[in-house]
Amino acid sequence: MPNVIVPNKKEPVISLILSLVIPGLGQLYNTQVKKGAILFIAYVVSIVLVYATWSNFVGFCIMVLPLAIWLYGMFDAYREATKINKGEPSKDWLS
């Protein structure tokens, strides 16, 4: 009997929910450690930037940045889990 490698199946909804709770956590679930770490750090830095510049117009303008990172993280986690289940290649950033 030949050796067949079966990829670990990932639940896309679980990936999405994990990224909903903490940006980057869904990527960690999908075993994309670098991408998850980058998303988490980018989210934290964007929150700090918003609070640091809140008193002026720049802070108000970049207020959308944490939201964009958070939404992208959820979308990407769901999409990548689906790709993993289909057996399609999935790239981690900086690989």
C-alpha atoms as a PDB file:
ATOM      1  CA  MET A   1       0.000   0.000   0.000  1.00  0.00           C
ATOM      2  CA  PRO A   2       1.525   3.362  -1.003  1.00  0.00           C
ATOM      3  CA  ASN A   3       2.097   6.067   1.535  1.00  0.00           C
ATOM      4  CA  VAL A   4      -0.445   8.820   1.061  1.00  0.00           C
ATOM      5  CA  ILE A   5      -0.006  12.139   2.808  1.00  0.00           C
ATOM      6  CA  VAL A   6      -3.336  13.585   3.842  1.00  0.00           C
ATOM      7  CA  PRO A   7      -3.190  17.260   4.773  1.00  0.00           C
ATOM      8  CA  ASN A   8      -4.753  18.291   8.048  1.00  0.00           C
ATOM      9  CA  LYS A   9      -8.244  19.564   7.450  1.00  0.00           C
ATOM     10  CA  LYS A  10      -9.010  23.002   8.826  1.00  0.00           C
ATOM     11  CA  GLU A  11     -12.428  24.396   9.675  1.00  0.00           C
ATOM     12  CA  PRO A  12     -12.789  27.740   7.859  1.00  0.00           C
ATOM     13  CA  VAL A  13     -15.439  28.954  10.325  1.00  0.00           C
ATOM     14  CA  ILE A  14     -13.161  28.225  13.288  1.00  0.00           C
ATOM     15  CA  SER A  15     -10.361  30.151  11.543  1.00  0.00           C
ATOM     16  CA  LEU A  16     -12.690  33.082  11.019  1.00  0.00           C
ATOM     17  CA  ILE A  17     -13.926  33.062  14.634  1.00  0.00           C
ATOM     18  CA  LEU A  18     -10.392  32.865  16.010  1.00  0.00           C
ATOM     19  CA  SER A  19      -9.412  35.873  13.891  1.00  0.00           C
ATOM     20  CA  LEU A  20     -12.537  37.646  15.081  1.00  0.00           C
ATOM     21  CA  VAL A  21     -11.345  37.237  18.682  1.00  0.00           C
ATOM     22  CA  ILE A  22      -7.678  38.108  18.095  1.00  0.00           C
ATOM     23  CA  PRO A  23      -6.300  39.223  14.722  1.00  0.00           C
ATOM     24  CA  GLY A  24      -3.765  36.652  13.506  1.00  0.00           C
ATOM     25  CA  LEU A  25      -5.067  33.781  15.636  1.00  0.00           C
ATOM     26  CA  GLY A  26      -6.878  32.203  12.689  1.00  0.00           C
ATOM     27  CA  GLN A  27      -3.622  32.218  10.740  1.00  0.00           C
ATOM     28  CA  LEU A  28      -1.899  30.449  13.631  1.00  0.00           C
ATOM     29  CA  TYR A  29      -4.674  27.824  13.544  1.00  0.00           C
ATOM     30  CA  ASN A  30      -3.950  27.421   9.822  1.00  0.00           C
ATOM     31  CA  THR A  31      -0.250  26.937  10.710  1.00  0.00           C
ATOM     32  CA  GLN A  32       0.751  30.232   9.087  1.00  0.00           C
ATOM     33  CA  VAL A  33       2.788  31.445  12.035  1.00  0.00           C
ATOM     34  CA  LYS A  34       4.644  34.308  10.332  1.00  0.00           C
ATOM     35  CA  LYS A  35       1.488  35.712   8.774  1.00  0.00           C
ATOM     36  CA  GLY A  36      -0.371  35.468  12.099  1.00  0.00           C
ATOM     37  CA  ALA A  37       2.426  37.206  13.980  1.00  0.00           C
ATOM     38  CA  ILE A  38       2.664  39.992  11.392  1.00  0.00           C
ATOM     39  CA  LEU A  39      -1.102  40.593  11.457  1.00  0.00           C
ATOM     40  CA  PHE A  40      -1.180  40.665  15.258  1.00  0.00           C
ATOM     41  CA  ILE A  41       1.766  43.057  15.514  1.00  0.00           C
ATOM     42  CA  ALA A  42       0.334  45.295  12.773  1.00  0.00           C
ATOM     43  CA  TYR A  43      -2.991  45.400  14.618  1.00  0.00           C
ATOM     44  CA  VAL A  44      -1.381  46.315  17.946  1.00  0.00           C
ATOM     45  CA  VAL A  45       0.836  48.971  16.343  1.00  0.00           C
ATOM     46  CA  SER A  46      -2.160  50.494  14.534  1.00  0.00           C
ATOM     47  CA  ILE A  47      -4.128  50.670  17.808  1.00  0.00           C
ATOM     48  CA  VAL A  48      -1.179  52.382  19.505  1.00  0.00           C
ATOM     49  CA  LEU A  49      -0.889  54.851  16.617  1.00  0.00           C
ATOM     50  CA  VAL A  50      -4.567  55.709  16.835  1.00  0.00           C
ATOM     51  CA  TYR A  51      -4.366  56.360  20.575  1.00  0.00           C
ATOM     52  CA  ALA A  52      -1.095  58.284  20.265  1.00  0.00           C
ATOM     53  CA  THR A  53      -2.495  60.635  17.629  1.00  0.00           C
ATOM     54  CA  TRP A  54      -6.121  60.718  18.741  1.00  0.00           C
ATOM     55  CA  SER A  55      -6.028  64.401  19.684  1.00  0.00           C
ATOM     56  CA  ASN A  56      -5.425  65.539  16.114  1.00  0.00           C
ATOM     57  CA  PHE A  57      -6.898  64.905  12.687  1.00  0.00           C
ATOM     58  CA  VAL A  58      -4.329  62.222  11.793  1.00  0.00           C
ATOM     59  CA  GLY A  59      -5.567  59.972  14.600  1.00  0.00           C
ATOM     60  CA  PHE A  60      -9.095  60.343  13.378  1.00  0.00           C
ATOM     61  CA  CYS A  61      -8.054  59.477   9.815  1.00  0.00           C
ATOM     62  CA  ILE A  62      -6.055  56.362  10.686  1.00  0.00           C
ATOM     63  CA  MET A  63      -8.840  55.069  12.913  1.00  0.00           C
ATOM     64  CA  VAL A  64      -9.892  52.831  10.023  1.00  0.00           C
ATOM     65  CA  LEU A  65      -6.503  51.039   9.912  1.00  0.00           C
ATOM     66  CA  PRO A  66      -7.095  48.645  12.868  1.00  0.00           C
ATOM     67  CA  LEU A  67     -10.526  47.813  11.475  1.00  0.00           C
ATOM     68  CA  ALA A  68      -9.068  47.068   8.040  1.00  0.00           C
ATOM     69  CA  ILE A  69      -6.375  44.789   9.503  1.00  0.00           C
ATOM     70  CA  TRP A  70      -8.962  42.983  11.645  1.00  0.00           C
ATOM     71  CA  LEU A  71     -11.343  42.428   8.715  1.00  0.00           C
ATOM     72  CA  TYR A  72      -8.531  41.328   6.416  1.00  0.00           C
ATOM     73  CA  GLY A  73      -7.327  38.830   9.031  1.00  0.00           C
ATOM     74  CA  MET A  74     -10.782  37.233   9.228  1.00  0.00           C
ATOM     75  CA  PHE A  75     -11.152  37.083   5.451  1.00  0.00           C
ATOM     76  CA  ASP A  76      -7.664  35.666   4.951  1.00  0.00           C
ATOM     77  CA  ALA A  77      -8.037  33.024   7.680  1.00  0.00           C
ATOM     78  CA  TYR A  78     -11.282  31.748   6.153  1.00  0.00           C
ATOM     79  CA  ARG A  79      -9.872  31.782   2.615  1.00  0.00           C
ATOM     80  CA  GLU A  80      -6.633  30.032   3.555  1.00  0.00           C
ATOM     81  CA  ALA A  81      -8.432  27.306   5.540  1.00  0.00           C
ATOM     82  CA  THR A  82     -10.596  26.647   2.494  1.00  0.00           C
ATOM     83  CA  LYS A  83      -7.481  26.455   0.289  1.00  0.00           C
ATOM     84  CA  ILE A  84      -5.823  24.046   2.722  1.00  0.00           C
ATOM     85  CA  ASN A  85      -8.874  21.776   2.611  1.00  0.00           C
ATOM     86  CA  LYS A  86      -8.835  21.765  -1.198  1.00  0.00           C
ATOM     87  CA  GLY A  87      -5.153  20.853  -1.202  1.00  0.00           C
ATOM     88  CA  GLU A  88      -4.156  24.094  -2.915  1.00  0.00           C
ATOM     89  CA  PRO A  89      -0.788  25.604  -2.054  1.00  0.00           C
ATOM     90  CA  SER A  90      -0.942  28.148   0.711  1.00  0.00           C
ATOM     91  CA  LYS A  91       1.886  30.614   1.248  1.00  0.00           C
ATOM     92  CA  ASP A  92       2.949  32.068   4.530  1.00  0.00           C
ATOM     93  CA  TRP A  93       4.396  35.566   4.216  1.00  0.00           C
ATOM     94  CA  LEU A  94       8.172  35.853   4.142  1.00  0.00           C
ATOM     95  CA  SER A  95       8.547  32.158   3.294  1.00  0.00           C
END
